[in-house]
Amino acid sequence: MDAGDSPWAVCADGLVVTVRLTPKAGRDSIDGIGHLSDGRSVLKARVSAAPSDGEANAALTRLLAQTLRIAPREIALVGGASSRIKRMLIKGDTRTVVAALEQIRAASAQ
């Protein structure tokens, strides 16, 4: 995997992370970095919540907050509310969040 090939990008408000979410999974987890058929990188995540009434989106927000050790209020869904491919805005200390995401990338590369 190319070091510059990441599913996140720094923006004015923080960091935008592209996530491929699998709802109704057996457990809530971040499964590393993956690639879409068009070559884009995504953070792979799964949640046990169903994709109805925003439950899976809320579960994703909680999972990201727990994984990145930030408050859920620091995370906002900015794209893909009804799609598997989501864009999540993560506010706060960008360096700390990128460091946590880099750990996920390193673990998925092994």
PDB file of N, CA and C in Angstrom:
ATOM      1  N   MET A   1       0.845  -1.190   0.000  1.00  0.00           N
ATOM      2  CA  MET A   1       0.000   0.000   0.000  1.00  0.00           C
ATOM      3  C   MET A   1       0.882   1.242   0.000  1.00  0.00           C
ATOM      4  N   ASP A   2       0.601   2.143  -0.831  1.00  0.00           N
ATOM      5  CA  ASP A   2       1.333   3.399  -0.966  1.00  0.00           C
ATOM      6  C   ASP A   2       1.129   4.247   0.284  1.00  0.00           C
ATOM      7  N   ALA A   3       2.199   4.821   0.821  1.00  0.00           N
ATOM      8  CA  ALA A   3       2.104   5.619   2.043  1.00  0.00           C
ATOM      9  C   ALA A   3       1.192   6.829   1.869  1.00  0.00           C
ATOM     10  N   GLY A   4       1.099   7.358   0.645  1.00  0.00           N
ATOM     11  CA  GLY A   4       0.250   8.510   0.407  1.00  0.00           C
ATOM     12  C   GLY A   4      -1.199   8.127   0.137  1.00  0.00           C
ATOM     13  N   ASP A   5      -1.454   6.837   0.119  1.00  0.00           N
ATOM     14  CA  ASP A   5      -2.765   6.303  -0.219  1.00  0.00           C
ATOM     15  C   ASP A   5      -3.566   6.112   1.071  1.00  0.00           C
ATOM     16  N   SER A   6      -4.263   7.145   1.491  1.00  0.00           N
ATOM     17  CA  SER A   6      -4.988   7.026   2.750  1.00  0.00           C
ATOM     18  C   SER A   6      -6.437   7.461   2.589  1.00  0.00           C
ATOM     19  N   PRO A   7      -7.311   6.887   3.408  1.00  0.00           N
ATOM     20  CA  PRO A   7      -8.726   7.225   3.312  1.00  0.00           C
ATOM     21  C   PRO A   7      -9.096   8.495   4.076  1.00  0.00           C
ATOM     22  N   TRP A   8      -8.124   9.269   4.475  1.00  0.00           N
ATOM     23  CA  TRP A   8      -8.420  10.514   5.176  1.00  0.00           C
ATOM     24  C   TRP A   8      -7.670  11.674   4.539  1.00  0.00           C
ATOM     25  N   ALA A   9      -8.227  12.862   4.732  1.00  0.00           N
ATOM     26  CA  ALA A   9      -7.620  14.078   4.199  1.00  0.00           C
ATOM     27  C   ALA A   9      -7.847  15.205   5.201  1.00  0.00           C
ATOM     28  N   VAL A  10      -6.834  16.003   5.401  1.00  0.00           N
ATOM     29  CA  VAL A  10      -6.949  17.156   6.290  1.00  0.00           C
ATOM     30  C   VAL A  10      -7.757  18.233   5.580  1.00  0.00           C
ATOM     31  N   CYS A  11      -8.680  18.860   6.303  1.00  0.00           N
ATOM     32  CA  CYS A  11      -9.456  19.962   5.745  1.00  0.00           C
ATOM     33  C   CYS A  11      -9.459  21.099   6.765  1.00  0.00           C
ATOM     34  N   ALA A  12     -10.119  22.179   6.450  1.00  0.00           N
ATOM     35  CA  ALA A  12     -10.119  23.358   7.313  1.00  0.00           C
ATOM     36  C   ALA A  12     -10.709  23.058   8.698  1.00  0.00           C
ATOM     37  N   ASP A  13     -11.711  22.183   8.763  1.00  0.00           N
ATOM     38  CA  ASP A  13     -12.383  21.907  10.032  1.00  0.00           C
ATOM     39  C   ASP A  13     -11.790  20.736  10.800  1.00  0.00           C
ATOM     40  N   GLY A  14     -10.856  20.019  10.215  1.00  0.00           N
ATOM     41  CA  GLY A  14     -10.280  18.853  10.875  1.00  0.00           C
ATOM     42  C   GLY A  14      -9.813  17.830   9.867  1.00  0.00           C
ATOM     43  N   LEU A  15     -10.460  16.678   9.879  1.00  0.00           N
ATOM     44  CA  LEU A  15     -10.056  15.565   9.038  1.00  0.00           C
ATOM     45  C   LEU A  15     -11.308  14.917   8.471  1.00  0.00           C
ATOM     46  N   VAL A  16     -11.325  14.620   7.180  1.00  0.00           N
ATOM     47  CA  VAL A  16     -12.441  13.899   6.585  1.00  0.00           C
ATOM     48  C   VAL A  16     -11.963  12.480   6.295  1.00  0.00           C
ATOM     49  N   VAL A  17     -12.672  11.501   6.839  1.00  0.00           N
ATOM     50  CA  VAL A  17     -12.321  10.097   6.673  1.00  0.00           C
ATOM     51  C   VAL A  17     -13.404   9.432   5.840  1.00  0.00           C
ATOM     52  N   THR A  18     -12.987   8.680   4.805  1.00  0.00           N
ATOM     53  CA  THR A  18     -13.926   7.914   3.989  1.00  0.00           C
ATOM     54  C   THR A  18     -14.008   6.512   4.583  1.00  0.00           C
ATOM     55  N   VAL A  19     -15.230   6.084   4.887  1.00  0.00           N
ATOM     56  CA  VAL A  19     -15.467   4.807   5.567  1.00  0.00           C
ATOM     57  C   VAL A  19     -16.386   3.947   4.718  1.00  0.00           C
ATOM     58  N   ARG A  20     -16.076   2.657   4.620  1.00  0.00           N
ATOM     59  CA  ARG A  20     -17.007   1.689   4.027  1.00  0.00           C
ATOM     60  C   ARG A  20     -17.617   0.928   5.193  1.00  0.00           C
ATOM     61  N   LEU A  21     -18.903   1.159   5.418  1.00  0.00           N
ATOM     62  CA  LEU A  21     -19.592   0.605   6.586  1.00  0.00           C
ATOM     63  C   LEU A  21     -20.399  -0.634   6.211  1.00  0.00           C
ATOM     64  N   THR A  22     -20.247  -1.678   7.007  1.00  0.00           N
ATOM     65  CA  THR A  22     -21.064  -2.878   6.877  1.00  0.00           C
ATOM     66  C   THR A  22     -21.989  -2.934   8.085  1.00  0.00           C
ATOM     67  N   PRO A  23     -23.282  -2.679   7.893  1.00  0.00           N
ATOM     68  CA  PRO A  23     -24.229  -2.748   9.010  1.00  0.00           C
ATOM     69  C   PRO A  23     -24.677  -4.196   9.252  1.00  0.00           C
ATOM     70  N   LYS A  24     -25.363  -4.420  10.347  1.00  0.00           N
ATOM     71  CA  LYS A  24     -25.898  -5.726  10.737  1.00  0.00           C
ATOM     72  C   LYS A  24     -24.812  -6.809  10.780  1.00  0.00           C
ATOM     73  N   ALA A  25     -23.626  -6.422  11.222  1.00  0.00           N
ATOM     74  CA  ALA A  25     -22.515  -7.360  11.360  1.00  0.00           C
ATOM     75  C   ALA A  25     -22.611  -8.034  12.729  1.00  0.00           C
ATOM     76  N   GLY A  26     -21.791  -9.022  12.934  1.00  0.00           N
ATOM     77  CA  GLY A  26     -21.806  -9.738  14.201  1.00  0.00           C
ATOM     78  C   GLY A  26     -21.213  -8.953  15.357  1.00  0.00           C
ATOM     79  N   ARG A  27     -20.403  -7.957  15.020  1.00  0.00           N
ATOM     80  CA  ARG A  27     -19.755  -7.164  16.079  1.00  0.00           C
ATOM     81  C   ARG A  27     -19.422  -5.778  15.528  1.00  0.00           C
ATOM     82  N   ASP A  28     -19.084  -4.865  16.412  1.00  0.00           N
ATOM     83  CA  ASP A  28     -18.631  -3.535  16.017  1.00  0.00           C
ATOM     84  C   ASP A  28     -17.100  -3.573  15.967  1.00  0.00           C
ATOM     85  N   SER A  29     -16.528  -3.211  14.818  1.00  0.00           N
ATOM     86  CA  SER A  29     -15.067  -3.205  14.729  1.00  0.00           C
ATOM     87  C   SER A  29     -14.595  -2.372  13.549  1.00  0.00           C
ATOM     88  N   ILE A  30     -13.344  -1.934  13.666  1.00  0.00           N
ATOM     89  CA  ILE A  30     -12.638  -1.299  12.561  1.00  0.00           C
ATOM     90  C   ILE A  30     -11.748  -2.398  11.989  1.00  0.00           C
ATOM     91  N   ASP A  31     -11.891  -2.659  10.698  1.00  0.00           N
ATOM     92  CA  ASP A  31     -11.198  -3.791  10.077  1.00  0.00           C
ATOM     93  C   ASP A  31     -10.048  -3.373   9.181  1.00  0.00           C
ATOM     94  N   GLY A  32      -9.487  -2.205   9.420  1.00  0.00           N
ATOM     95  CA  GLY A  32      -8.320  -1.776   8.667  1.00  0.00           C
ATOM     96  C   GLY A  32      -8.664  -0.927   7.460  1.00  0.00           C
ATOM     97  N   ILE A  33      -7.721  -0.901   6.521  1.00  0.00           N
ATOM     98  CA  ILE A  33      -7.841  -0.085   5.318  1.00  0.00           C
ATOM     99  C   ILE A  33      -8.148  -1.018   4.140  1.00  0.00           C
ATOM    100  N   GLY A  34      -9.072  -0.593   3.308  1.00  0.00           N
ATOM    101  CA  GLY A  34      -9.400  -1.369   2.110  1.00  0.00           C
ATOM    102  C   GLY A  34      -9.463  -0.460   0.906  1.00  0.00           C
ATOM    103  N   HIS A  35      -9.772  -1.046  -0.234  1.00  0.00           N
ATOM    104  CA  HIS A  35      -9.859  -0.269  -1.471  1.00  0.00           C
ATOM    105  C   HIS A  35     -11.161  -0.586  -2.183  1.00  0.00           C
ATOM    106  N   LEU A  36     -11.754   0.428  -2.749  1.00  0.00           N
ATOM    107  CA  LEU A  36     -12.963   0.265  -3.550  1.00  0.00           C
ATOM    108  C   LEU A  36     -12.565  -0.155  -4.961  1.00  0.00           C
ATOM    109  N   SER A  37     -13.538  -0.562  -5.768  1.00  0.00           N
ATOM    110  CA  SER A  37     -13.257  -0.994  -7.135  1.00  0.00           C
ATOM    111  C   SER A  37     -12.649   0.127  -7.981  1.00  0.00           C
ATOM    112  N   ASP A  38     -12.922   1.389  -7.610  1.00  0.00           N
ATOM    113  CA  ASP A  38     -12.351   2.510  -8.367  1.00  0.00           C
ATOM    114  C   ASP A  38     -10.970   2.920  -7.854  1.00  0.00           C
ATOM    115  N   GLY A  39     -10.442   2.174  -6.880  1.00  0.00           N
ATOM    116  CA  GLY A  39      -9.099   2.434  -6.377  1.00  0.00           C
ATOM    117  C   GLY A  39      -9.018   3.314  -5.150  1.00  0.00           C
ATOM    118  N   ARG A  40     -10.143   3.948  -4.771  1.00  0.00           N
ATOM    119  CA  ARG A  40     -10.115   4.805  -3.579  1.00  0.00           C
ATOM    120  C   ARG A  40      -9.889   3.974  -2.318  1.00  0.00           C
ATOM    121  N   SER A  41      -9.148   4.537  -1.378  1.00  0.00           N
ATOM    122  CA  SER A  41      -8.935   3.887  -0.088  1.00  0.00           C
ATOM    123  C   SER A  41     -10.080   4.224   0.852  1.00  0.00           C
ATOM    124  N   VAL A  42     -10.428   3.257   1.700  1.00  0.00           N
ATOM    125  CA  VAL A  42     -11.476   3.455   2.695  1.00  0.00           C
ATOM    126  C   VAL A  42     -11.041   2.819   4.004  1.00  0.00           C
ATOM    127  N   LEU A  43     -11.579   3.341   5.086  1.00  0.00           N
ATOM    128  CA  LEU A  43     -11.450   2.713   6.383  1.00  0.00           C
ATOM    129  C   LEU A  43     -12.607   1.732   6.478  1.00  0.00           C
ATOM    130  N   LYS A  44     -12.321   0.449   6.669  1.00  0.00           N
ATOM    131  CA  LYS A  44     -13.377  -0.559   6.722  1.00  0.00           C
ATOM    132  C   LYS A  44     -13.899  -0.665   8.150  1.00  0.00           C
ATOM    133  N   ALA A  45     -15.216  -0.562   8.280  1.00  0.00           N
ATOM    134  CA  ALA A  45     -15.838  -0.651   9.601  1.00  0.00           C
ATOM    135  C   ALA A  45     -17.083  -1.512   9.513  1.00  0.00           C
ATOM    136  N   ARG A  46     -17.414  -2.147  10.632  1.00  0.00           N
ATOM    137  CA  ARG A  46     -18.658  -2.910  10.716  1.00  0.00           C
ATOM    138  C   ARG A  46     -19.330  -2.613  12.050  1.00  0.00           C
ATOM    139  N   VAL A  47     -20.651  -2.565  12.017  1.00  0.00           N
ATOM    140  CA  VAL A  47     -21.427  -2.347  13.235  1.00  0.00           C
ATOM    141  C   VAL A  47     -22.576  -3.342  13.267  1.00  0.00           C
ATOM    142  N   SER A  48     -23.022  -3.676  14.461  1.00  0.00           N
ATOM    143  CA  SER A  48     -24.123  -4.634  14.603  1.00  0.00           C
ATOM    144  C   SER A  48     -25.487  -3.972  14.387  1.00  0.00           C
ATOM    145  N   ALA A  49     -25.533  -2.664  14.438  1.00  0.00           N
ATOM    146  CA  ALA A  49     -26.799  -1.932  14.273  1.00  0.00           C
ATOM    147  C   ALA A  49     -27.328  -2.064  12.848  1.00  0.00           C
ATOM    148  N   ALA A  50     -28.639  -2.000  12.733  1.00  0.00           N
ATOM    149  CA  ALA A  50     -29.293  -2.052  11.421  1.00  0.00           C
ATOM    150  C   ALA A  50     -29.221  -0.674  10.758  1.00  0.00           C
ATOM    151  N   PRO A  51     -29.272  -0.650   9.424  1.00  0.00           N
ATOM    152  CA  PRO A  51     -29.187   0.633   8.710  1.00  0.00           C
ATOM    153  C   PRO A  51     -30.544   1.326   8.606  1.00  0.00           C
ATOM    154  N   SER A  52     -31.243   1.425   9.709  1.00  0.00           N
ATOM    155  CA  SER A  52     -32.546   2.102   9.684  1.00  0.00           C
ATOM    156  C   SER A  52     -32.579   3.187  10.746  1.00  0.00           C
ATOM    157  N   ASP A  53     -33.271   4.259  10.451  1.00  0.00           N
ATOM    158  CA  ASP A  53     -33.405   5.393  11.375  1.00  0.00           C
ATOM    159  C   ASP A  53     -32.062   5.936  11.846  1.00  0.00           C
ATOM    160  N   GLY A  54     -31.035   5.799  11.017  1.00  0.00           N
ATOM    161  CA  GLY A  54     -29.727   6.335  11.376  1.00  0.00           C
ATOM    162  C   GLY A  54     -28.993   5.548  12.449  1.00  0.00           C
ATOM    163  N   GLU A  55     -29.483   4.357  12.805  1.00  0.00           N
ATOM    164  CA  GLU A  55     -28.855   3.581  13.879  1.00  0.00           C
ATOM    165  C   GLU A  55     -27.423   3.176  13.532  1.00  0.00           C
ATOM    166  N   ALA A  56     -27.202   2.715  12.294  1.00  0.00           N
ATOM    167  CA  ALA A  56     -25.861   2.297  11.901  1.00  0.00           C
ATOM    168  C   ALA A  56     -24.911   3.499  11.868  1.00  0.00           C
ATOM    169  N   ASN A  57     -25.390   4.653  11.418  1.00  0.00           N
ATOM    170  CA  ASN A  57     -24.559   5.858  11.402  1.00  0.00           C
ATOM    171  C   ASN A  57     -24.173   6.269  12.813  1.00  0.00           C
ATOM    172  N   ALA A  58     -25.120   6.201  13.738  1.00  0.00           N
ATOM    173  CA  ALA A  58     -24.836   6.542  15.137  1.00  0.00           C
ATOM    174  C   ALA A  58     -23.843   5.550  15.734  1.00  0.00           C
ATOM    175  N   ALA A  59     -24.010   4.269  15.404  1.00  0.00           N
ATOM    176  CA  ALA A  59     -23.087   3.246  15.903  1.00  0.00           C
ATOM    177  C   ALA A  59     -21.684   3.476  15.342  1.00  0.00           C
ATOM    178  N   LEU A  60     -21.598   3.877  14.064  1.00  0.00           N
ATOM    179  CA  LEU A  60     -20.296   4.185  13.464  1.00  0.00           C
ATOM    180  C   LEU A  60     -19.641   5.354  14.183  1.00  0.00           C
ATOM    181  N   THR A  61     -20.412   6.381  14.481  1.00  0.00           N
ATOM    182  CA  THR A  61     -19.871   7.541  15.204  1.00  0.00           C
ATOM    183  C   THR A  61     -19.315   7.109  16.558  1.00  0.00           C
ATOM    184  N   ARG A  62     -20.069   6.291  17.280  1.00  0.00           N
ATOM    185  CA  ARG A  62     -19.600   5.803  18.592  1.00  0.00           C
ATOM    186  C   ARG A  62     -18.339   4.959  18.448  1.00  0.00           C
ATOM    187  N   LEU A  63     -18.308   4.086  17.433  1.00  0.00           N
ATOM    188  CA  LEU A  63     -17.149   3.217  17.217  1.00  0.00           C
ATOM    189  C   LEU A  63     -15.902   4.043  16.886  1.00  0.00           C
ATOM    190  N   LEU A  64     -16.040   5.016  15.998  1.00  0.00           N
ATOM    191  CA  LEU A  64     -14.899   5.873  15.665  1.00  0.00           C
ATOM    192  C   LEU A  64     -14.425   6.654  16.883  1.00  0.00           C
ATOM    193  N   ALA A  65     -15.361   7.186  17.660  1.00  0.00           N
ATOM    194  CA  ALA A  65     -14.998   7.950  18.856  1.00  0.00           C
ATOM    195  C   ALA A  65     -14.214   7.072  19.831  1.00  0.00           C
ATOM    196  N   GLN A  66     -14.691   5.859  20.037  1.00  0.00           N
ATOM    197  CA  GLN A  66     -14.018   4.935  20.953  1.00  0.00           C
ATOM    198  C   GLN A  66     -12.638   4.559  20.417  1.00  0.00           C
ATOM    199  N   THR A  67     -12.557   4.228  19.132  1.00  0.00           N
ATOM    200  CA  THR A  67     -11.297   3.813  18.527  1.00  0.00           C
ATOM    201  C   THR A  67     -10.265   4.936  18.532  1.00  0.00           C
ATOM    202  N   LEU A  68     -10.711   6.156  18.231  1.00  0.00           N
ATOM    203  CA  LEU A  68      -9.800   7.298  18.134  1.00  0.00           C
ATOM    204  C   LEU A  68      -9.631   8.030  19.461  1.00  0.00           C
ATOM    205  N   ARG A  69     -10.348   7.574  20.481  1.00  0.00           N
ATOM    206  CA  ARG A  69     -10.288   8.161  21.830  1.00  0.00           C
ATOM    207  C   ARG A  69     -10.636   9.646  21.837  1.00  0.00           C
ATOM    208  N   ILE A  70     -11.758   9.961  21.179  1.00  0.00           N
ATOM    209  CA  ILE A  70     -12.273  11.322  21.176  1.00  0.00           C
ATOM    210  C   ILE A  70     -13.760  11.281  21.517  1.00  0.00           C
ATOM    211  N   ALA A  71     -14.326  12.432  21.796  1.00  0.00           N
ATOM    212  CA  ALA A  71     -15.747  12.503  22.119  1.00  0.00           C
ATOM    213  C   ALA A  71     -16.585  12.334  20.853  1.00  0.00           C
ATOM    214  N   PRO A  72     -17.708  11.610  20.941  1.00  0.00           N
ATOM    215  CA  PRO A  72     -18.577  11.444  19.770  1.00  0.00           C
ATOM    216  C   PRO A  72     -19.024  12.773  19.163  1.00  0.00           C
ATOM    217  N   ARG A  73     -19.124  13.817  19.972  1.00  0.00           N
ATOM    218  CA  ARG A  73     -19.561  15.119  19.447  1.00  0.00           C
ATOM    219  C   ARG A  73     -18.530  15.727  18.501  1.00  0.00           C
ATOM    220  N   GLU A  74     -17.312  15.189  18.493  1.00  0.00           N
ATOM    221  CA  GLU A  74     -16.248  15.670  17.604  1.00  0.00           C
ATOM    222  C   GLU A  74     -16.343  15.046  16.214  1.00  0.00           C
ATOM    223  N   ILE A  75     -17.329  14.153  16.010  1.00  0.00           N
ATOM    224  CA  ILE A  75     -17.459  13.437  14.741  1.00  0.00           C
ATOM    225  C   ILE A  75     -18.814  13.757  14.121  1.00  0.00           C
ATOM    226  N   ALA A  76     -18.809  14.073  12.836  1.00  0.00           N
ATOM    227  CA  ALA A  76     -20.059  14.378  12.130  1.00  0.00           C
ATOM    228  C   ALA A  76     -20.075  13.665  10.781  1.00  0.00           C
ATOM    229  N   LEU A  77     -21.229  13.147  10.419  1.00  0.00           N
ATOM    230  CA  LEU A  77     -21.425  12.544   9.111  1.00  0.00           C
ATOM    231  C   LEU A  77     -21.627  13.675   8.109  1.00  0.00           C
ATOM    232  N   VAL A  78     -20.748  13.761   7.104  1.00  0.00           N
ATOM    233  CA  VAL A  78     -20.857  14.849   6.121  1.00  0.00           C
ATOM    234  C   VAL A  78     -21.192  14.355   4.723  1.00  0.00           C
ATOM    235  N   GLY A  79     -21.288  13.052   4.554  1.00  0.00           N
ATOM    236  CA  GLY A  79     -21.659  12.514   3.251  1.00  0.00           C
ATOM    237  C   GLY A  79     -21.969  11.040   3.316  1.00  0.00           C
ATOM    238  N   GLY A  80     -22.957  10.598   2.548  1.00  0.00           N
ATOM    239  CA  GLY A  80     -23.276   9.183   2.468  1.00  0.00           C
ATOM    240  C   GLY A  80     -24.207   8.668   3.536  1.00  0.00           C
ATOM    241  N   ALA A  81     -25.145   9.487   3.989  1.00  0.00           N
ATOM    242  CA  ALA A  81     -26.042   9.086   5.078  1.00  0.00           C
ATOM    243  C   ALA A  81     -26.764   7.777   4.807  1.00  0.00           C
ATOM    244  N   SER A  82     -27.138   7.529   3.551  1.00  0.00           N
ATOM    245  CA  SER A  82     -27.865   6.293   3.240  1.00  0.00           C
ATOM    246  C   SER A  82     -27.043   5.351   2.364  1.00  0.00           C
ATOM    247  N   SER A  83     -25.746   5.559   2.308  1.00  0.00           N
ATOM    248  CA  SER A  83     -24.850   4.751   1.488  1.00  0.00           C
ATOM    249  C   SER A  83     -23.899   3.955   2.376  1.00  0.00           C
ATOM    250  N   ARG A  84     -23.303   2.911   1.834  1.00  0.00           N
ATOM    251  CA  ARG A  84     -22.274   2.175   2.585  1.00  0.00           C
ATOM    252  C   ARG A  84     -20.997   3.010   2.697  1.00  0.00           C
ATOM    253  N   ILE A  85     -20.766   3.865   1.703  1.00  0.00           N
ATOM    254  CA  ILE A  85     -19.569   4.707   1.709  1.00  0.00           C
ATOM    255  C   ILE A  85     -19.920   6.031   2.378  1.00  0.00           C
ATOM    256  N   LYS A  86     -19.289   6.294   3.505  1.00  0.00           N
ATOM    257  CA  LYS A  86     -19.587   7.478   4.318  1.00  0.00           C
ATOM    258  C   LYS A  86     -18.381   8.408   4.339  1.00  0.00           C
ATOM    259  N   ARG A  87     -18.649   9.693   4.505  1.00  0.00           N
ATOM    260  CA  ARG A  87     -17.587  10.671   4.749  1.00  0.00           C
ATOM    261  C   ARG A  87     -17.830  11.252   6.125  1.00  0.00           C
ATOM    262  N   MET A  88     -16.874  11.059   7.012  1.00  0.00           N
ATOM    263  CA  MET A  88     -16.996  11.493   8.401  1.00  0.00           C
ATOM    264  C   MET A  88     -15.998  12.618   8.671  1.00  0.00           C
ATOM    265  N   LEU A  89     -16.507  13.723   9.213  1.00  0.00           N
ATOM    266  CA  LEU A  89     -15.649  14.840   9.612  1.00  0.00           C
ATOM    267  C   LEU A  89     -15.265  14.625  11.065  1.00  0.00           C
ATOM    268  N   ILE A  90     -13.967  14.634  11.322  1.00  0.00           N
ATOM    269  CA  ILE A  90     -13.461  14.460  12.678  1.00  0.00           C
ATOM    270  C   ILE A  90     -12.753  15.740  13.074  1.00  0.00           C
ATOM    271  N   LYS A  91     -13.280  16.381  14.106  1.00  0.00           N
ATOM    272  CA  LYS A  91     -12.704  17.638  14.593  1.00  0.00           C
ATOM    273  C   LYS A  91     -11.736  17.331  15.729  1.00  0.00           C
ATOM    274  N   GLY A  92     -11.102  18.357  16.234  1.00  0.00           N
ATOM    275  CA  GLY A  92     -10.203  18.165  17.360  1.00  0.00           C
ATOM    276  C   GLY A  92      -8.751  18.167  16.918  1.00  0.00           C
ATOM    277  N   ASP A  93      -7.912  17.496  17.706  1.00  0.00           N
ATOM    278  CA  ASP A  93      -6.473  17.461  17.466  1.00  0.00           C
ATOM    279  C   ASP A  93      -6.162  16.542  16.294  1.00  0.00           C
ATOM    280  N   THR A  94      -5.952  17.115  15.130  1.00  0.00           N
ATOM    281  CA  THR A  94      -5.740  16.359  13.903  1.00  0.00           C
ATOM    282  C   THR A  94      -4.534  15.431  14.010  1.00  0.00           C
ATOM    283  N   ARG A  95      -3.460  15.891  14.640  1.00  0.00           N
ATOM    284  CA  ARG A  95      -2.249  15.059  14.748  1.00  0.00           C
ATOM    285  C   ARG A  95      -2.525  13.776  15.523  1.00  0.00           C
ATOM    286  N   THR A  96      -3.263  13.876  16.614  1.00  0.00           N
ATOM    287  CA  THR A  96      -3.583  12.705  17.427  1.00  0.00           C
ATOM    288  C   THR A  96      -4.457  11.726  16.653  1.00  0.00           C
ATOM    289  N   VAL A  97      -5.450  12.254  15.933  1.00  0.00           N
ATOM    290  CA  VAL A  97      -6.349  11.403  15.150  1.00  0.00           C
ATOM    291  C   VAL A  97      -5.585  10.724  14.020  1.00  0.00           C
ATOM    292  N   VAL A  98      -4.727  11.464  13.315  1.00  0.00           N
ATOM    293  CA  VAL A  98      -3.936  10.865  12.236  1.00  0.00           C
ATOM    294  C   VAL A  98      -3.030   9.776  12.802  1.00  0.00           C
ATOM    295  N   ALA A  99      -2.433  10.003  13.967  1.00  0.00           N
ATOM    296  CA  ALA A  99      -1.566   8.992  14.572  1.00  0.00           C
ATOM    297  C   ALA A  99      -2.355   7.707  14.851  1.00  0.00           C
ATOM    298  N   ALA A 100      -3.575   7.839  15.358  1.00  0.00           N
ATOM    299  CA  ALA A 100      -4.418   6.666  15.619  1.00  0.00           C
ATOM    300  C   ALA A 100      -4.779   5.958  14.318  1.00  0.00           C
ATOM    301  N   LEU A 101      -5.100   6.724  13.277  1.00  0.00           N
ATOM    302  CA  LEU A 101      -5.423   6.134  11.977  1.00  0.00           C
ATOM    303  C   LEU A 101      -4.205   5.446  11.356  1.00  0.00           C
ATOM    304  N   GLU A 102      -3.036   6.021  11.551  1.00  0.00           N
ATOM    305  CA  GLU A 102      -1.811   5.397  11.038  1.00  0.00           C
ATOM    306  C   GLU A 102      -1.555   4.057  11.725  1.00  0.00           C
ATOM    307  N   GLN A 103      -1.900   3.946  13.020  1.00  0.00           N
ATOM    308  CA  GLN A 103      -1.771   2.672  13.728  1.00  0.00           C
ATOM    309  C   GLN A 103      -2.701   1.630  13.113  1.00  0.00           C
ATOM    310  N   ILE A 104      -3.917   2.045  12.759  1.00  0.00           N
ATOM    311  CA  ILE A 104      -4.873   1.135  12.106  1.00  0.00           C
ATOM    312  C   ILE A 104      -4.309   0.697  10.768  1.00  0.00           C
ATOM    313  N   ARG A 105      -3.754   1.643  10.002  1.00  0.00           N
ATOM    314  CA  ARG A 105      -3.170   1.323   8.695  1.00  0.00           C
ATOM    315  C   ARG A 105      -2.020   0.322   8.858  1.00  0.00           C
ATOM    316  N   ALA A 106      -1.141   0.567   9.842  1.00  0.00           N
ATOM    317  CA  ALA A 106      -0.001  -0.328  10.050  1.00  0.00           C
ATOM    318  C   ALA A 106      -0.465  -1.738  10.424  1.00  0.00           C
ATOM    319  N   ALA A 107      -1.486  -1.822  11.248  1.00  0.00           N
ATOM    320  CA  ALA A 107      -2.017  -3.130  11.659  1.00  0.00           C
ATOM    321  C   ALA A 107      -2.646  -3.861  10.482  1.00  0.00           C
ATOM    322  N   SER A 108      -3.297  -3.129   9.584  1.00  0.00           N
ATOM    323  CA  SER A 108      -3.948  -3.786   8.447  1.00  0.00           C
ATOM    324  C   SER A 108      -2.950  -4.164   7.362  1.00  0.00           C
ATOM    325  N   ALA A 109      -1.758  -3.583   7.394  1.00  0.00           N
ATOM    326  CA  ALA A 109      -0.748  -3.891   6.393  1.00  0.00           C
ATOM    327  C   ALA A 109       0.001  -5.186   6.736  1.00  0.00           C
ATOM    328  N   GLN A 110      -0.122  -5.638   7.983  1.00  0.00           N
ATOM    329  CA  GLN A 110       0.586  -6.849   8.422  1.00  0.00           C
ATOM    330  C   GLN A 110      -0.123  -8.099   7.993  1.00  0.00           C
TER     331      GLN A 110
END
